[in-house]
Amino acid sequence: MALIVVAALVITVPFAGQAFSVDGPLELDYAKMEVDHPLSQALPDYDLFGIHYDHYLNTHPRFISTYLSLVLRVTGSPSEVPIHLSLAIFPIIGGIGMYFLGRRFRVSGLASALLFLASPMFMVNAHLETDDLPGTCLWIAAIVAFIYAADRRSNWLLGLSTLLMILTTQTFFQGLSVLPLGLAYLVINRQFRIWNFMPVAAATLLFGGYLLAVHLSYGQFPRF
């Protein structure tokens, strides 16, 4: 675990002072808005790539911008170092998740984690303030917790996987893939205990509530 944490910090901390880039400024605009309007889902009177939007709905749900808005409340300013350091928790979560995923399928957990963290896709994105890498890390943690919960009939792991599935589907729309994969794991392994379906059901219901709230507020669904 210590090696995994160190590896995650090595690919993030040295870049903590890097300027915001790619989709980061857009995500920070959402975070700044949510400091004063935490229930708002769209940026009002927003210009993006030369196009004006009365209300700009993002292409991802709101967990990361809400998380960053909490960081802004604590730090008081959108500075690069605290923002990037606050996001370092996600590579740690992803690395630890890959460790247990490797062990579950009988390969080296440490090698799985380190190869995951050292992959070019991961290292390039590890210090960016966007949804994709946190979503991927939460996705891995959610499926790992779900598999271990089903295998061990553990109610507390089911609770953990429920939380992680909710966070995953509220981070990026690609995270919805964790829901059918979770069901597929139960079917393939014939683990039909009613409590095993709780994480998938809870995440599905809350995501449906998110879609309904956006549609009622803005007359349209999020930009998938």
Protein backbone atom coordinates (compact mmCIF):
# COMPACT_ATOMS: atom_id res chain seq x y z
CA MET A 1 0.00 0.00 0.00
CA ALA A 2 2.83 2.40 0.84
CA LEU A 3 4.49 1.80 -2.54
CA ILE A 4 1.22 2.47 -4.33
CA VAL A 5 0.62 5.71 -2.43
CA VAL A 6 4.19 6.87 -3.13
CA ALA A 7 3.83 6.03 -6.84
CA ALA A 8 0.56 8.00 -7.02
CA LEU A 9 2.16 11.01 -5.34
CA VAL A 10 5.23 10.86 -7.61
CA ILE A 11 3.06 11.34 -10.72
CA THR A 12 0.96 14.14 -9.19
CA VAL A 13 2.79 16.26 -6.60
CA PRO A 14 5.66 17.44 -8.90
CA PHE A 15 3.03 18.94 -11.23
CA ALA A 16 0.98 20.68 -8.52
CA GLY A 17 2.01 24.11 -9.76
CA GLN A 18 1.15 23.51 -13.39
CA ALA A 19 -1.26 25.96 -14.98
CA PHE A 20 -4.87 24.89 -15.45
CA SER A 21 -5.35 23.44 -18.93
CA VAL A 22 -7.58 21.42 -21.27
CA ASP A 23 -11.09 21.32 -19.68
CA GLY A 24 -9.80 22.44 -16.28
CA PRO A 25 -10.84 26.12 -16.56
CA LEU A 26 -14.40 25.07 -17.48
CA GLU A 27 -14.56 22.72 -14.48
CA LEU A 28 -13.29 25.50 -12.23
CA ASP A 29 -15.93 27.88 -13.59
CA TYR A 30 -18.54 25.38 -12.45
CA ALA A 31 -16.82 25.06 -9.07
CA LYS A 32 -16.78 28.84 -8.59
CA MET A 33 -20.46 29.04 -9.47
CA GLU A 34 -21.31 26.26 -7.01
CA VAL A 35 -19.63 28.11 -4.15
CA ASP A 36 -22.50 30.62 -4.23
CA HIS A 37 -25.16 28.49 -5.99
CA PRO A 38 -24.59 24.86 -4.92
CA LEU A 39 -27.81 23.55 -6.50
CA SER A 40 -27.28 25.12 -9.91
CA GLN A 41 -26.52 22.75 -12.77
CA ALA A 42 -25.61 25.18 -15.57
CA LEU A 43 -23.40 28.20 -16.18
CA PRO A 44 -25.58 31.24 -17.03
CA ASP A 45 -24.62 33.57 -19.91
CA TYR A 46 -21.55 31.50 -20.75
CA ASP A 47 -19.32 31.78 -23.82
CA LEU A 48 -17.46 28.66 -24.96
CA PHE A 49 -15.41 28.45 -28.17
CA GLY A 50 -17.09 31.59 -29.46
CA ILE A 51 -20.62 30.32 -28.86
CA HIS A 52 -22.90 32.02 -26.34
CA TYR A 53 -25.16 29.88 -24.13
CA ASP A 54 -27.97 31.22 -21.97
CA HIS A 55 -27.37 28.18 -19.77
CA TYR A 56 -24.44 25.88 -20.51
CA LEU A 57 -25.00 22.32 -19.29
CA ASN A 58 -21.77 20.40 -18.86
CA THR A 59 -20.97 17.08 -20.54
CA HIS A 60 -20.47 15.45 -17.13
CA PRO A 61 -22.46 15.29 -13.88
CA ARG A 62 -21.49 17.52 -11.02
CA PHE A 63 -19.46 15.56 -8.44
CA ILE A 64 -15.98 16.88 -9.35
CA SER A 65 -17.09 20.50 -9.63
CA THR A 66 -18.85 20.15 -6.26
CA TYR A 67 -15.70 18.61 -4.79
CA LEU A 68 -13.60 21.47 -6.17
CA SER A 69 -16.09 24.03 -4.85
CA LEU A 70 -15.48 22.63 -1.35
CA VAL A 71 -11.73 23.04 -1.92
CA LEU A 72 -12.33 26.64 -2.98
CA ARG A 73 -14.36 27.28 0.16
CA VAL A 74 -11.48 26.00 2.30
CA THR A 75 -8.62 27.70 0.44
CA GLY A 76 -10.46 30.89 -0.50
CA SER A 77 -8.96 31.12 -4.00
CA PRO A 78 -8.64 29.00 -7.18
CA SER A 79 -4.90 28.46 -6.86
CA GLU A 80 -3.20 25.68 -8.84
CA VAL A 81 -1.31 24.00 -5.97
CA PRO A 82 -4.21 23.30 -3.56
CA ILE A 83 -6.51 22.31 -6.42
CA HIS A 84 -4.03 19.80 -7.84
CA LEU A 85 -3.03 18.44 -4.44
CA SER A 86 -6.68 17.90 -3.55
CA LEU A 87 -7.10 15.77 -6.67
CA ALA A 88 -4.16 13.51 -5.78
CA ILE A 89 -6.54 11.39 -3.69
CA PHE A 90 -8.04 9.90 -6.84
CA PRO A 91 -4.86 8.26 -8.23
CA ILE A 92 -4.36 6.77 -4.76
CA ILE A 93 -7.91 5.37 -4.83
CA GLY A 94 -7.39 4.01 -8.35
CA GLY A 95 -4.05 2.42 -7.51
CA ILE A 96 -5.37 0.69 -4.41
CA GLY A 97 -8.43 -0.46 -6.37
CA MET A 98 -6.22 -2.00 -9.06
CA TYR A 99 -4.21 -3.77 -6.34
CA PHE A 100 -7.28 -5.57 -5.03
CA LEU A 101 -8.63 -6.17 -8.55
CA GLY A 102 -5.36 -7.89 -9.47
CA ARG A 103 -5.43 -10.03 -6.33
CA ARG A 104 -9.03 -11.04 -6.97
CA PHE A 105 -8.16 -12.40 -10.39
CA ARG A 106 -4.96 -14.05 -9.20
CA VAL A 107 -2.29 -11.82 -10.68
CA SER A 108 0.16 -9.60 -8.83
CA GLY A 109 -1.78 -6.85 -7.10
CA LEU A 110 1.28 -4.62 -6.81
CA ALA A 111 2.21 -5.07 -10.47
CA SER A 112 -1.38 -4.34 -11.52
CA ALA A 113 -1.44 -1.13 -9.51
CA LEU A 114 1.99 0.14 -10.59
CA LEU A 115 1.41 -0.66 -14.28
CA PHE A 116 -1.92 1.15 -14.08
CA LEU A 117 -0.36 4.25 -12.50
CA ALA A 118 2.59 4.19 -14.91
CA SER A 119 0.50 3.91 -18.07
CA PRO A 120 0.96 6.96 -20.34
CA MET A 121 -2.78 7.71 -20.38
CA PHE A 122 -2.88 7.83 -16.60
CA MET A 123 0.32 9.81 -15.99
CA VAL A 124 -0.55 12.49 -18.55
CA ASN A 125 -3.96 13.06 -16.97
CA ALA A 126 -3.07 12.50 -13.31
CA HIS A 127 -2.50 16.19 -12.57
CA LEU A 128 -5.37 17.63 -14.62
CA GLU A 129 -8.46 19.11 -12.99
CA THR A 130 -10.95 17.21 -15.18
CA ASP A 131 -13.55 14.48 -14.60
CA ASP A 132 -12.05 11.61 -16.58
CA LEU A 133 -9.27 10.42 -14.31
CA PRO A 134 -11.20 10.78 -11.01
CA GLY A 135 -14.12 9.00 -12.68
CA THR A 136 -11.90 6.15 -13.85
CA CYS A 137 -10.41 5.72 -10.38
CA LEU A 138 -13.82 5.74 -8.70
CA TRP A 139 -15.08 3.28 -11.34
CA ILE A 140 -12.30 0.83 -10.48
CA ALA A 141 -12.89 1.21 -6.74
CA ALA A 142 -16.65 0.74 -7.20
CA ILE A 143 -16.38 -2.48 -9.19
CA VAL A 144 -13.72 -3.89 -6.83
CA ALA A 145 -15.80 -3.16 -3.73
CA PHE A 146 -18.85 -4.67 -5.44
CA ILE A 147 -17.04 -7.88 -6.43
CA TYR A 148 -15.57 -8.40 -2.96
CA ALA A 149 -18.95 -7.61 -1.34
CA ALA A 150 -20.74 -10.20 -3.47
CA ASP A 151 -18.03 -12.84 -3.05
CA ARG A 152 -17.81 -12.44 0.72
CA ARG A 153 -21.47 -11.62 1.43
CA SER A 154 -20.27 -8.49 3.20
CA ASN A 155 -22.92 -5.88 3.96
CA TRP A 156 -20.42 -3.15 4.83
CA LEU A 157 -18.64 -3.67 1.50
CA LEU A 158 -22.03 -3.48 -0.21
CA GLY A 159 -22.53 -0.13 1.49
CA LEU A 160 -19.10 1.03 0.33
CA SER A 161 -19.75 -0.13 -3.23
CA THR A 162 -23.11 1.68 -3.17
CA LEU A 163 -21.39 4.94 -2.26
CA LEU A 164 -18.66 4.41 -4.89
CA MET A 165 -21.15 3.54 -7.64
CA ILE A 166 -23.12 6.68 -6.84
CA LEU A 167 -19.97 8.82 -6.95
CA THR A 168 -18.83 7.14 -10.18
CA THR A 169 -22.11 7.76 -12.01
CA GLN A 170 -22.19 11.33 -10.68
CA THR A 171 -18.65 12.00 -11.95
CA PHE A 172 -18.84 11.10 -15.62
CA PHE A 173 -21.41 9.49 -17.88
CA GLN A 174 -18.98 6.70 -18.82
CA GLY A 175 -19.32 5.63 -15.19
CA LEU A 176 -22.78 4.26 -16.02
CA SER A 177 -21.01 1.20 -17.47
CA VAL A 178 -20.37 0.01 -13.91
CA LEU A 179 -24.09 -0.75 -13.51
CA PRO A 180 -24.59 -3.42 -16.24
CA LEU A 181 -21.16 -4.87 -15.46
CA GLY A 182 -22.14 -5.26 -11.81
CA LEU A 183 -25.34 -7.04 -12.82
CA ALA A 184 -23.42 -9.23 -15.24
CA TYR A 185 -21.06 -10.31 -12.46
CA LEU A 186 -24.00 -11.36 -10.29
CA VAL A 187 -25.62 -13.31 -13.14
CA ILE A 188 -22.42 -15.06 -14.25
CA ASN A 189 -21.60 -16.11 -10.69
CA ARG A 190 -25.25 -16.78 -9.74
CA GLN A 191 -25.11 -14.52 -6.71
CA PHE A 192 -28.76 -13.53 -6.53
CA ARG A 193 -28.91 -12.45 -2.88
CA ILE A 194 -31.32 -9.52 -2.84
CA TRP A 195 -28.87 -7.20 -1.03
CA ASN A 196 -26.33 -7.67 -3.84
CA PHE A 197 -28.55 -5.59 -6.11
CA MET A 198 -28.69 -2.63 -3.71
CA PRO A 199 -25.62 -0.74 -5.08
CA VAL A 200 -26.84 -0.92 -8.69
CA ALA A 201 -30.41 0.01 -7.73
CA ALA A 202 -29.37 2.97 -5.56
CA ALA A 203 -26.96 4.40 -8.14
CA THR A 204 -29.58 3.99 -10.89
CA LEU A 205 -32.29 5.74 -8.87
CA LEU A 206 -30.07 8.66 -7.90
CA PHE A 207 -28.85 9.09 -11.46
CA GLY A 208 -32.46 9.12 -12.63
CA GLY A 209 -33.17 11.78 -10.00
CA TYR A 210 -30.26 13.84 -11.33
CA LEU A 211 -31.64 13.66 -14.89
CA LEU A 212 -35.12 14.63 -13.70
CA ALA A 213 -33.81 17.59 -11.67
CA VAL A 214 -31.88 18.95 -14.67
CA HIS A 215 -34.84 18.52 -17.01
CA LEU A 216 -37.26 20.21 -14.62
CA SER A 217 -34.85 23.12 -14.11
CA TYR A 218 -33.72 23.74 -17.71
CA GLY A 219 -36.21 21.93 -19.95
CA GLN A 220 -33.54 19.61 -21.34
CA PHE A 221 -31.41 16.68 -20.30
CA PRO A 222 -27.65 16.99 -19.69
CA ARG A 223 -25.36 17.00 -22.71
CA PHE A 224 -24.35 13.33 -22.85
